[in-house]
Amino acid sequence: MQALKIAATGMSAQQTRVDVTSNNIANMSTTAYDRRRASFADLHYQVLRAPGTLSAQSGERLPVGVELGFGVGTVAVAVDRRQGALRATGGELNVAVEGDGYFEVELPGGGTAFTRDGAFQLSADGVVVNQQGFTLADAITVPQDARAIEISADGTVTAVFEDGARIEQLGEIALARFVNAPGLTALGDNLFLETEASGPALRDQPGIDGRGFLRQGFLEDSSVDVVAEITELIEAQRGYELNARVLAAADEMLGATARIR
């Protein structure tokens, strides 16, 4: 009897679904968080009789066969790349990407990571960094006597000085695109790493080749829909309970078989 093992795979799959949903709910307030969704597929089958087999009785080919499945398995935990709502913050170093694209930051040990979290700050040297202190790859440094910072939709960063008449361009913020953005691997801290599945980062000015535009004074909210996640959680719980009942029923059947004398 394979029912015990099959039910166990179903319970494991629903547990994964609950884990993914709980992580979504936990990040409902995380800036630029993209919800995750678990995907499943049936496992391999034991073919007792293949379709098209010749019937011993009639000599005709059977239109259907006998195939017994071995349960379900987790295929992937996919990232839903739908953009969250843009929330006005008023911060001059708060920048949201309206559309496709990622900011690039430099990691302390070398290499770069990518993020849609545009809650930037200034280091003690006036360098634009993210909330973990990682330098923005575009190397923007703000002079100490700058009165205000302006970031245009196309990524141009300018500093306005005390008299208001002198404006200095500090650089440009580029955005990275990927052929397969869901192929990025999550690093934590709202950061992603490039992988072979994602393809190389294609960096260019905002608004070019499908890249989004920048919105100064805004941050992107999480794309998690709490009502949808609660519904998903209830469905997963019911699925777990049904598989547990199958497990109990299979155990009772085995027990009945063992008691036969």
C-alpha atoms as a PDB file:
ATOM      1  CA  MET A   1       0.000   0.000   0.000  1.00  0.00           C
ATOM      2  CA  GLN A   2       1.440   3.317  -1.144  1.00  0.00           C
ATOM      3  CA  ALA A   3      -1.267   5.468   0.470  1.00  0.00           C
ATOM      4  CA  LEU A   4       0.855   6.204   3.562  1.00  0.00           C
ATOM      5  CA  LYS A   5       3.739   7.558   1.488  1.00  0.00           C
ATOM      6  CA  ILE A   6       1.435   9.418  -0.899  1.00  0.00           C
ATOM      7  CA  ALA A   7      -0.413  11.122   1.959  1.00  0.00           C
ATOM      8  CA  ALA A   8       2.942  12.029   3.531  1.00  0.00           C
ATOM      9  CA  THR A   9       4.015  13.814   0.326  1.00  0.00           C
ATOM     10  CA  GLY A  10       0.714  15.707   0.350  1.00  0.00           C
ATOM     11  CA  MET A  11       1.235  16.812   3.949  1.00  0.00           C
ATOM     12  CA  SER A  12       4.799  17.887   3.157  1.00  0.00           C
ATOM     13  CA  ALA A  13       3.601  19.911   0.155  1.00  0.00           C
ATOM     14  CA  GLN A  14       0.939  21.697   2.204  1.00  0.00           C
ATOM     15  CA  GLN A  15       3.515  22.407   4.910  1.00  0.00           C
ATOM     16  CA  THR A  16       5.712  24.066   2.281  1.00  0.00           C
ATOM     17  CA  ARG A  17       2.694  26.070   1.145  1.00  0.00           C
ATOM     18  CA  VAL A  18       2.099  27.235   4.725  1.00  0.00           C
ATOM     19  CA  ASP A  19       5.786  28.172   5.128  1.00  0.00           C
ATOM     20  CA  VAL A  20       5.716  30.283   1.949  1.00  0.00           C
ATOM     21  CA  THR A  21       2.445  31.956   2.945  1.00  0.00           C
ATOM     22  CA  SER A  22       3.679  32.736   6.441  1.00  0.00           C
ATOM     23  CA  ASN A  23       6.796  34.362   4.990  1.00  0.00           C
ATOM     24  CA  ASN A  24       4.592  36.497   2.735  1.00  0.00           C
ATOM     25  CA  ILE A  25       2.468  37.632   5.679  1.00  0.00           C
ATOM     26  CA  ALA A  26       5.574  38.347   7.776  1.00  0.00           C
ATOM     27  CA  ASN A  27       6.835  40.647   4.986  1.00  0.00           C
ATOM     28  CA  MET A  28       3.565  42.473   4.389  1.00  0.00           C
ATOM     29  CA  SER A  29       5.255  45.733   5.462  1.00  0.00           C
ATOM     30  CA  THR A  30       8.679  45.111   3.904  1.00  0.00           C
ATOM     31  CA  THR A  31       9.661  47.727   1.333  1.00  0.00           C
ATOM     32  CA  ALA A  32       9.496  46.412  -2.266  1.00  0.00           C
ATOM     33  CA  TYR A  33       8.901  42.814  -1.135  1.00  0.00           C
ATOM     34  CA  ASP A  34       7.590  40.512  -3.888  1.00  0.00           C
ATOM     35  CA  ARG A  35       5.241  37.781  -2.708  1.00  0.00           C
ATOM     36  CA  ARG A  36       6.244  34.161  -3.249  1.00  0.00           C
ATOM     37  CA  ARG A  37       4.083  31.299  -4.474  1.00  0.00           C
ATOM     38  CA  ALA A  38       4.797  27.583  -4.105  1.00  0.00           C
ATOM     39  CA  SER A  39       4.300  25.446  -7.228  1.00  0.00           C
ATOM     40  CA  PHE A  40       3.735  21.685  -7.156  1.00  0.00           C
ATOM     41  CA  ALA A  41       3.714  18.785  -9.615  1.00  0.00           C
ATOM     42  CA  ASP A  42       2.704  15.149  -9.443  1.00  0.00           C
ATOM     43  CA  LEU A  43       5.496  12.614  -8.900  1.00  0.00           C
ATOM     44  CA  HIS A  44       6.342   9.696 -11.175  1.00  0.00           C
ATOM     45  CA  TYR A  45       3.864   6.902 -11.845  1.00  0.00           C
ATOM     46  CA  GLN A  46       3.921   3.155 -11.588  1.00  0.00           C
ATOM     47  CA  VAL A  47       2.618   1.855 -14.918  1.00  0.00           C
ATOM     48  CA  LEU A  48       0.739  -1.393 -14.340  1.00  0.00           C
ATOM     49  CA  ARG A  49      -0.700  -1.389 -17.835  1.00  0.00           C
ATOM     50  CA  ALA A  50       0.345   1.041 -20.533  1.00  0.00           C
ATOM     51  CA  PRO A  51      -2.240   2.699 -22.775  1.00  0.00           C
ATOM     52  CA  GLY A  52      -2.432   0.975 -26.145  1.00  0.00           C
ATOM     53  CA  THR A  53      -1.621  -2.479 -24.764  1.00  0.00           C
ATOM     54  CA  LEU A  54      -3.176  -5.370 -26.672  1.00  0.00           C
ATOM     55  CA  SER A  55      -6.084  -6.962 -24.786  1.00  0.00           C
ATOM     56  CA  ALA A  56      -5.671 -10.703 -24.238  1.00  0.00           C
ATOM     57  CA  GLN A  57      -9.430 -11.173 -24.459  1.00  0.00           C
ATOM     58  CA  SER A  58     -10.324  -9.164 -27.571  1.00  0.00           C
ATOM     59  CA  GLY A  59      -6.989  -8.577 -29.256  1.00  0.00           C
ATOM     60  CA  GLU A  60      -7.805  -4.864 -29.463  1.00  0.00           C
ATOM     61  CA  ARG A  61      -5.590  -2.095 -28.148  1.00  0.00           C
ATOM     62  CA  LEU A  62      -6.801  -0.671 -24.829  1.00  0.00           C
ATOM     63  CA  PRO A  63      -7.684   3.041 -24.991  1.00  0.00           C
ATOM     64  CA  VAL A  64      -6.510   3.674 -21.419  1.00  0.00           C
ATOM     65  CA  GLY A  65      -3.995   2.162 -19.071  1.00  0.00           C
ATOM     66  CA  VAL A  66      -3.475   1.672 -15.361  1.00  0.00           C
ATOM     67  CA  GLU A  67      -1.056   4.182 -13.841  1.00  0.00           C
ATOM     68  CA  LEU A  68      -0.714   4.711 -10.096  1.00  0.00           C
ATOM     69  CA  GLY A  69       0.809   7.973  -8.915  1.00  0.00           C
ATOM     70  CA  PHE A  70       3.237   8.366  -6.032  1.00  0.00           C
ATOM     71  CA  GLY A  71       2.075  11.726  -4.717  1.00  0.00           C
ATOM     72  CA  VAL A  72       3.136  15.329  -5.120  1.00  0.00           C
ATOM     73  CA  GLY A  73       6.397  17.252  -4.907  1.00  0.00           C
ATOM     74  CA  THR A  74       7.443  20.902  -4.704  1.00  0.00           C
ATOM     75  CA  VAL A  75       8.668  22.179  -8.069  1.00  0.00           C
ATOM     76  CA  ALA A  76       9.550  25.778  -7.226  1.00  0.00           C
ATOM     77  CA  VAL A  77       8.834  28.757  -5.024  1.00  0.00           C
ATOM     78  CA  ALA A  78       8.250  31.401  -7.666  1.00  0.00           C
ATOM     79  CA  VAL A  79       8.468  35.149  -7.131  1.00  0.00           C
ATOM     80  CA  ASP A  80       5.515  37.278  -8.222  1.00  0.00           C
ATOM     81  CA  ARG A  81       7.116  40.339  -9.843  1.00  0.00           C
ATOM     82  CA  ARG A  82       4.010  42.521  -9.797  1.00  0.00           C
ATOM     83  CA  GLN A  83       4.890  45.994  -8.528  1.00  0.00           C
ATOM     84  CA  GLY A  84       3.606  47.121  -5.162  1.00  0.00           C
ATOM     85  CA  ALA A  85       1.875  50.452  -4.638  1.00  0.00           C
ATOM     86  CA  LEU A  86       4.069  53.563  -4.439  1.00  0.00           C
ATOM     87  CA  ARG A  87       3.869  55.320  -1.067  1.00  0.00           C
ATOM     88  CA  ALA A  88       4.795  58.975  -0.680  1.00  0.00           C
ATOM     89  CA  THR A  89       7.403  59.555   2.035  1.00  0.00           C
ATOM     90  CA  GLY A  90       8.781  62.996   1.151  1.00  0.00           C
ATOM     91  CA  GLY A  91      12.356  61.832   1.760  1.00  0.00           C
ATOM     92  CA  GLU A  92      14.707  63.260  -0.832  1.00  0.00           C
ATOM     93  CA  LEU A  93      16.769  60.054  -0.838  1.00  0.00           C
ATOM     94  CA  ASN A  94      13.709  57.797  -1.015  1.00  0.00           C
ATOM     95  CA  VAL A  95      13.473  56.616  -4.617  1.00  0.00           C
ATOM     96  CA  ALA A  96      10.972  54.154  -6.085  1.00  0.00           C
ATOM     97  CA  VAL A  97      11.199  52.409  -9.437  1.00  0.00           C
ATOM     98  CA  GLU A  98       7.959  52.853 -11.347  1.00  0.00           C
ATOM     99  CA  GLY A  99       8.172  49.926 -13.734  1.00  0.00           C
ATOM    100  CA  ASP A 100      10.887  47.367 -14.385  1.00  0.00           C
ATOM    101  CA  GLY A 101      14.429  47.589 -13.044  1.00  0.00           C
ATOM    102  CA  TYR A 102      16.707  47.214 -10.022  1.00  0.00           C
ATOM    103  CA  PHE A 103      19.203  49.441  -8.249  1.00  0.00           C
ATOM    104  CA  GLU A 104      22.714  48.001  -8.041  1.00  0.00           C
ATOM    105  CA  VAL A 105      24.751  48.149  -4.831  1.00  0.00           C
ATOM    106  CA  GLU A 106      28.296  47.074  -4.056  1.00  0.00           C
ATOM    107  CA  LEU A 107      28.816  44.309  -1.495  1.00  0.00           C
ATOM    108  CA  PRO A 108      31.595  44.630   1.114  1.00  0.00           C
ATOM    109  CA  GLY A 109      33.317  41.409   0.063  1.00  0.00           C
ATOM    110  CA  GLY A 110      33.273  42.331  -3.608  1.00  0.00           C
ATOM    111  CA  GLY A 111      30.640  41.802  -6.237  1.00  0.00           C
ATOM    112  CA  THR A 112      27.287  43.479  -6.520  1.00  0.00           C
ATOM    113  CA  ALA A 113      23.681  42.858  -5.540  1.00  0.00           C
ATOM    114  CA  PHE A 114      20.391  44.246  -6.796  1.00  0.00           C
ATOM    115  CA  THR A 115      17.394  45.714  -5.020  1.00  0.00           C
ATOM    116  CA  ARG A 116      14.161  47.619  -5.570  1.00  0.00           C
ATOM    117  CA  ASP A 117      14.360  49.083  -2.074  1.00  0.00           C
ATOM    118  CA  GLY A 118      15.219  52.719  -2.723  1.00  0.00           C
ATOM    119  CA  ALA A 119      15.396  53.885   0.901  1.00  0.00           C
ATOM    120  CA  PHE A 120      18.860  55.402   0.491  1.00  0.00           C
ATOM    121  CA  GLN A 121      20.881  57.406   3.006  1.00  0.00           C
ATOM    122  CA  LEU A 122      24.169  59.298   3.190  1.00  0.00           C
ATOM    123  CA  SER A 123      27.311  57.938   4.797  1.00  0.00           C
ATOM    124  CA  ALA A 124      29.598  60.128   6.908  1.00  0.00           C
ATOM    125  CA  ASP A 125      31.506  60.950   3.706  1.00  0.00           C
ATOM    126  CA  GLY A 126      28.360  61.965   1.821  1.00  0.00           C
ATOM    127  CA  VAL A 127      28.241  58.783  -0.264  1.00  0.00           C
ATOM    128  CA  VAL A 128      24.770  57.458  -1.147  1.00  0.00           C
ATOM    129  CA  VAL A 129      24.289  54.037   0.493  1.00  0.00           C
ATOM    130  CA  ASN A 130      21.393  51.709   1.211  1.00  0.00           C
ATOM    131  CA  GLN A 131      20.095  50.937   4.694  1.00  0.00           C
ATOM    132  CA  GLN A 132      22.760  48.246   5.220  1.00  0.00           C
ATOM    133  CA  GLY A 133      25.490  50.765   4.347  1.00  0.00           C
ATOM    134  CA  PHE A 134      26.263  49.275   0.932  1.00  0.00           C
ATOM    135  CA  THR A 135      27.365  51.855  -1.620  1.00  0.00           C
ATOM    136  CA  LEU A 136      25.167  52.551  -4.618  1.00  0.00           C
ATOM    137  CA  ALA A 137      27.099  51.273  -7.639  1.00  0.00           C
ATOM    138  CA  ASP A 138      26.634  54.601  -9.436  1.00  0.00           C
ATOM    139  CA  ALA A 139      29.021  56.221  -6.916  1.00  0.00           C
ATOM    140  CA  ILE A 140      26.978  59.317  -6.045  1.00  0.00           C
ATOM    141  CA  THR A 141      28.674  61.620  -3.527  1.00  0.00           C
ATOM    142  CA  VAL A 142      26.785  64.623  -2.153  1.00  0.00           C
ATOM    143  CA  PRO A 143      28.814  67.725  -1.151  1.00  0.00           C
ATOM    144  CA  GLN A 144      28.478  68.731   2.489  1.00  0.00           C
ATOM    145  CA  ASP A 145      27.274  72.243   1.598  1.00  0.00           C
ATOM    146  CA  ALA A 146      24.450  71.001  -0.645  1.00  0.00           C
ATOM    147  CA  ARG A 147      21.078  72.333   0.473  1.00  0.00           C
ATOM    148  CA  ALA A 148      18.922  69.801  -1.386  1.00  0.00           C
ATOM    149  CA  ILE A 149      19.173  66.802  -3.679  1.00  0.00           C
ATOM    150  CA  GLU A 150      17.012  66.369  -6.746  1.00  0.00           C
ATOM    151  CA  ILE A 151      16.605  63.065  -8.587  1.00  0.00           C
ATOM    152  CA  SER A 152      14.841  63.219 -11.925  1.00  0.00           C
ATOM    153  CA  ALA A 153      12.757  60.488 -13.529  1.00  0.00           C
ATOM    154  CA  ASP A 154      15.636  59.583 -15.869  1.00  0.00           C
ATOM    155  CA  GLY A 155      18.048  59.104 -12.949  1.00  0.00           C
ATOM    156  CA  THR A 156      19.943  62.409 -13.103  1.00  0.00           C
ATOM    157  CA  VAL A 157      21.076  63.463  -9.620  1.00  0.00           C
ATOM    158  CA  THR A 158      21.722  67.155  -8.953  1.00  0.00           C
ATOM    159  CA  ALA A 159      22.614  69.151  -5.843  1.00  0.00           C
ATOM    160  CA  VAL A 160      21.149  72.561  -5.087  1.00  0.00           C
ATOM    161  CA  PHE A 161      23.339  74.841  -2.974  1.00  0.00           C
ATOM    162  CA  GLU A 162      22.535  77.503  -0.397  1.00  0.00           C
ATOM    163  CA  ASP A 163      22.028  80.441  -2.733  1.00  0.00           C
ATOM    164  CA  GLY A 164      19.636  78.390  -4.856  1.00  0.00           C
ATOM    165  CA  ALA A 165      21.267  79.649  -8.020  1.00  0.00           C
ATOM    166  CA  ARG A 166      24.090  77.119  -8.252  1.00  0.00           C
ATOM    167  CA  ILE A 167      23.147  73.601  -9.297  1.00  0.00           C
ATOM    168  CA  GLU A 168      25.685  70.824  -9.767  1.00  0.00           C
ATOM    169  CA  GLN A 169      25.081  67.482 -11.449  1.00  0.00           C
ATOM    170  CA  LEU A 170      26.415  64.697  -9.237  1.00  0.00           C
ATOM    171  CA  GLY A 171      25.875  61.721 -11.526  1.00  0.00           C
ATOM    172  CA  GLU A 172      23.200  59.386 -12.815  1.00  0.00           C
ATOM    173  CA  ILE A 173      21.436  56.407 -11.261  1.00  0.00           C
ATOM    174  CA  ALA A 174      21.152  53.501 -13.688  1.00  0.00           C
ATOM    175  CA  LEU A 175      18.730  50.589 -13.493  1.00  0.00           C
ATOM    176  CA  ALA A 176      19.507  46.938 -14.170  1.00  0.00           C
ATOM    177  CA  ARG A 177      17.175  44.642 -16.075  1.00  0.00           C
ATOM    178  CA  PHE A 178      17.305  40.865 -16.437  1.00  0.00           C
ATOM    179  CA  VAL A 179      16.024  38.593 -19.178  1.00  0.00           C
ATOM    180  CA  ASN A 180      14.580  36.334 -16.449  1.00  0.00           C
ATOM    181  CA  ALA A 181      14.200  38.389 -13.254  1.00  0.00           C
ATOM    182  CA  PRO A 182      12.481  35.506 -11.353  1.00  0.00           C
ATOM    183  CA  GLY A 183      15.780  33.636 -11.748  1.00  0.00           C
ATOM    184  CA  LEU A 184      17.505  35.986  -9.280  1.00  0.00           C
ATOM    185  CA  THR A 185      18.375  34.430  -5.934  1.00  0.00           C
ATOM    186  CA  ALA A 186      17.319  36.182  -2.727  1.00  0.00           C
ATOM    187  CA  LEU A 187      20.167  37.205  -0.425  1.00  0.00           C
ATOM    188  CA  GLY A 188      18.039  38.745   2.324  1.00  0.00           C
ATOM    189  CA  ASP A 189      17.944  42.423   3.319  1.00  0.00           C
ATOM    190  CA  ASN A 190      15.872  43.097   0.161  1.00  0.00           C
ATOM    191  CA  LEU A 191      18.873  42.117  -1.987  1.00  0.00           C
ATOM    192  CA  PHE A 192      19.147  39.733  -4.928  1.00  0.00           C
ATOM    193  CA  LEU A 193      22.096  38.110  -6.653  1.00  0.00           C
ATOM    194  CA  GLU A 194      22.539  37.502 -10.364  1.00  0.00           C
ATOM    195  CA  THR A 195      22.471  33.831 -11.416  1.00  0.00           C
ATOM    196  CA  GLU A 196      22.857  31.873 -14.622  1.00  0.00           C
ATOM    197  CA  ALA A 197      19.071  31.496 -14.650  1.00  0.00           C
ATOM    198  CA  SER A 198      18.500  35.261 -14.477  1.00  0.00           C
ATOM    199  CA  GLY A 199      21.073  36.137 -17.119  1.00  0.00           C
ATOM    200  CA  PRO A 200      23.540  39.030 -16.781  1.00  0.00           C
ATOM    201  CA  ALA A 201      22.500  42.454 -15.531  1.00  0.00           C
ATOM    202  CA  LEU A 202      21.709  44.882 -18.344  1.00  0.00           C
ATOM    203  CA  ARG A 203      22.307  48.368 -16.953  1.00  0.00           C
ATOM    204  CA  ASP A 204      21.156  51.567 -18.608  1.00  0.00           C
ATOM    205  CA  GLN A 205      19.376  54.847 -17.957  1.00  0.00           C
ATOM    206  CA  PRO A 206      15.823  54.689 -16.519  1.00  0.00           C
ATOM    207  CA  GLY A 207      13.191  54.752 -19.243  1.00  0.00           C
ATOM    208  CA  ILE A 208      15.455  53.046 -21.802  1.00  0.00           C
ATOM    209  CA  ASP A 209      14.529  49.645 -23.314  1.00  0.00           C
ATOM    210  CA  GLY A 210      11.626  48.917 -20.992  1.00  0.00           C
ATOM    211  CA  ARG A 211      13.202  50.166 -17.791  1.00  0.00           C
ATOM    212  CA  GLY A 212      10.976  52.047 -15.402  1.00  0.00           C
ATOM    213  CA  PHE A 213      11.309  55.646 -14.270  1.00  0.00           C
ATOM    214  CA  LEU A 214      12.427  56.899 -10.867  1.00  0.00           C
ATOM    215  CA  ARG A 215      10.082  58.632  -8.440  1.00  0.00           C
ATOM    216  CA  GLN A 216      11.844  60.739  -5.815  1.00  0.00           C
ATOM    217  CA  GLY A 217      10.095  60.971  -2.455  1.00  0.00           C
ATOM    218  CA  PHE A 218       8.370  57.581  -2.854  1.00  0.00           C
ATOM    219  CA  LEU A 219       8.975  53.996  -1.758  1.00  0.00           C
ATOM    220  CA  GLU A 220       7.460  50.823  -3.154  1.00  0.00           C
ATOM    221  CA  ASP A 221       5.229  48.923  -0.741  1.00  0.00           C
ATOM    222  CA  SER A 222       5.084  45.146  -0.446  1.00  0.00           C
ATOM    223  CA  SER A 223       2.953  43.426  -3.094  1.00  0.00           C
ATOM    224  CA  VAL A 224       1.437  41.076  -0.489  1.00  0.00           C
ATOM    225  CA  ASP A 225      -2.383  40.984  -0.410  1.00  0.00           C
ATOM    226  CA  VAL A 226      -3.134  39.989   3.171  1.00  0.00           C
ATOM    227  CA  VAL A 227      -6.700  38.809   2.418  1.00  0.00           C
ATOM    228  CA  ALA A 228      -5.425  36.557  -0.392  1.00  0.00           C
ATOM    229  CA  GLU A 229      -2.693  35.181   1.861  1.00  0.00           C
ATOM    230  CA  ILE A 230      -5.166  34.350   4.644  1.00  0.00           C
ATOM    231  CA  THR A 231      -7.314  32.513   2.078  1.00  0.00           C
ATOM    232  CA  GLU A 232      -4.215  30.641   0.887  1.00  0.00           C
ATOM    233  CA  LEU A 233      -3.406  29.742   4.488  1.00  0.00           C
ATOM    234  CA  ILE A 234      -6.890  28.326   5.105  1.00  0.00           C
ATOM    235  CA  GLU A 235      -6.751  26.273   1.896  1.00  0.00           C
ATOM    236  CA  ALA A 236      -3.341  24.866   2.853  1.00  0.00           C
ATOM    237  CA  GLN A 237      -4.606  23.982   6.325  1.00  0.00           C
ATOM    238  CA  ARG A 238      -7.605  22.134   4.894  1.00  0.00           C
ATOM    239  CA  GLY A 239      -5.377  20.323   2.401  1.00  0.00           C
ATOM    240  CA  TYR A 240      -3.082  19.253   5.233  1.00  0.00           C
ATOM    241  CA  GLU A 241      -6.048  17.961   7.241  1.00  0.00           C
ATOM    242  CA  LEU A 242      -7.370  15.933   4.273  1.00  0.00           C
ATOM    243  CA  ASN A 243      -3.985  14.308   3.709  1.00  0.00           C
ATOM    244  CA  ALA A 244      -3.780  13.533   7.433  1.00  0.00           C
ATOM    245  CA  ARG A 245      -7.156  11.778   7.188  1.00  0.00           C
ATOM    246  CA  VAL A 246      -5.888   9.692   4.269  1.00  0.00           C
ATOM    247  CA  LEU A 247      -2.858   8.793   6.371  1.00  0.00           C
ATOM    248  CA  ALA A 248      -5.100   7.720   9.253  1.00  0.00           C
ATOM    249  CA  ALA A 249      -7.388   5.731   6.947  1.00  0.00           C
ATOM    250  CA  ALA A 250      -4.437   3.897   5.378  1.00  0.00           C
ATOM    251  CA  ASP A 251      -3.104   3.121   8.849  1.00  0.00           C
ATOM    252  CA  GLU A 252      -6.482   1.660   9.877  1.00  0.00           C
ATOM    253  CA  MET A 253      -6.565  -0.491   6.734  1.00  0.00           C
ATOM    254  CA  LEU A 254      -3.089  -1.825   7.453  1.00  0.00           C
ATOM    255  CA  GLY A 255      -4.101  -2.461  11.054  1.00  0.00           C
ATOM    256  CA  ALA A 256      -7.171  -4.396   9.905  1.00  0.00           C
ATOM    257  CA  THR A 257      -5.002  -6.474   7.590  1.00  0.00           C
ATOM    258  CA  ALA A 258      -2.595  -7.245  10.431  1.00  0.00           C
ATOM    259  CA  ARG A 259      -5.442  -8.402  12.668  1.00  0.00           C
ATOM    260  CA  ILE A 260      -6.694 -11.009  10.199  1.00  0.00           C
ATOM    261  CA  ARG A 261      -6.208 -14.531  11.593  1.00  0.00           C
END
